[in-house]
Protein backbone atom coordinates (compact mmCIF):
# COMPACT_ATOMS: atom_id res chain seq x y z
CA MET A 1 28.34 -88.14 -41.17
CA PRO A 2 27.82 -85.91 -38.08
CA ASP A 3 24.49 -84.42 -39.23
CA GLN A 4 22.96 -87.87 -39.66
CA GLU A 5 24.20 -89.02 -36.26
CA ASN A 6 22.87 -85.86 -34.62
CA LEU A 7 19.51 -86.31 -36.33
CA VAL A 8 19.15 -89.89 -35.09
CA LEU A 9 20.02 -88.84 -31.53
CA LEU A 10 17.59 -85.93 -31.68
CA VAL A 11 14.76 -88.14 -32.96
CA ASP A 12 15.39 -90.56 -30.08
CA GLU A 13 15.43 -87.72 -27.54
CA TYR A 14 12.24 -86.15 -28.91
CA ARG A 15 10.55 -89.56 -29.13
CA SER A 16 11.05 -89.93 -25.37
CA PHE A 17 9.66 -86.41 -24.80
CA VAL A 18 6.57 -87.24 -26.87
CA HIS A 19 6.12 -90.59 -25.11
CA GLU A 20 6.22 -88.87 -21.72
CA SER A 21 3.70 -86.23 -22.89
CA VAL A 22 1.03 -88.63 -24.20
CA ILE A 23 -2.32 -88.20 -22.47
CA ASP A 24 -4.89 -90.15 -24.49
CA LYS A 25 -4.70 -92.75 -27.26
CA GLY A 26 -1.19 -91.77 -28.29
CA VAL A 27 -2.00 -88.06 -28.62
CA PRO A 28 0.54 -85.80 -26.93
CA ASP A 29 -0.40 -83.03 -24.55
CA TRP A 30 1.14 -80.33 -26.74
CA ASP A 31 1.47 -77.85 -23.87
CA ALA A 32 3.32 -80.41 -21.76
CA LEU A 33 5.54 -81.25 -24.72
CA ALA A 34 6.34 -77.56 -25.28
CA ALA A 35 7.25 -77.25 -21.60
CA ARG A 36 9.50 -80.31 -21.82
CA LEU A 37 11.21 -79.04 -24.97
CA SER A 38 11.74 -75.75 -23.18
CA ALA A 39 13.09 -77.34 -20.01
CA ASP A 40 15.22 -80.13 -21.47
CA GLY A 41 15.42 -79.60 -25.22
CA GLU A 42 17.25 -76.27 -25.32
CA TRP A 43 14.27 -74.36 -26.75
CA THR A 44 12.59 -71.25 -25.41
CA LEU A 45 8.89 -71.80 -24.76
CA ASP A 46 8.07 -69.61 -27.76
CA GLY A 47 10.47 -71.58 -29.96
CA ALA A 48 9.05 -74.90 -28.74
CA GLN A 49 5.50 -73.76 -29.49
CA HIS A 50 6.58 -72.62 -32.97
CA LEU A 51 8.29 -75.98 -33.57
CA ILE A 52 5.13 -77.84 -32.54
CA GLY A 53 3.07 -75.60 -34.84
CA LEU A 54 5.34 -76.56 -37.75
CA VAL A 55 4.95 -80.25 -36.90
CA GLN A 56 1.17 -79.96 -36.71
CA ALA A 57 0.93 -77.95 -39.95
CA TYR A 58 3.40 -79.84 -42.15
CA GLY A 59 4.06 -83.29 -40.68
CA SER A 60 7.10 -85.50 -41.07
CA PHE A 61 7.04 -85.87 -44.87
CA VAL A 62 7.50 -82.17 -45.62
CA LEU A 63 9.72 -81.48 -42.63
CA ARG A 64 11.98 -84.48 -43.34
CA ASN A 65 12.53 -83.15 -46.84
CA ALA A 66 13.02 -79.61 -45.55
CA ALA A 67 15.60 -80.84 -43.01
CA SER A 68 17.41 -82.82 -45.69
CA LEU A 69 17.57 -79.80 -47.98
CA ALA A 70 18.72 -77.50 -45.15
CA ILE A 71 21.50 -79.94 -44.20
CA ALA A 72 22.58 -80.36 -47.84
CA ALA A 73 22.61 -76.57 -48.32
CA GLY A 74 24.50 -76.01 -45.06
CA ILE A 75 21.77 -73.87 -43.48
CA GLU A 76 21.98 -74.34 -39.71
CA ASP A 77 19.81 -71.44 -38.54
CA GLY A 78 17.21 -69.93 -40.85
CA ALA A 79 16.07 -66.37 -41.31
CA VAL A 80 13.32 -66.63 -38.65
CA GLY A 81 15.92 -66.59 -35.90
CA LEU A 82 14.74 -69.32 -33.56
C-alpha cells in the first residue's frame, strides 16, 4: 500500500532530522528542526513551525490516529492549507 510505504519512509527521514537536531538529553532544538524541515523536508518555515506545534500539543498517539483517519478518508491536504 503506497500510503504505508510513504509513511515509513517519512518517519525514517524525520527521525534522522530529529537525531541531527538533538541538543541535550534527547531533546531536539526545535528551531533547528524547523529550519531542517524547511531546508530539506519540503516545508515552508511557517509550515514546519506549525507541524512542530502540532507534535508538541498532541503527540504521536493522537496524530497517528489522525493520520490513519485522513489516509482512510482520502484527505491529502486539509482545510488549513499547509
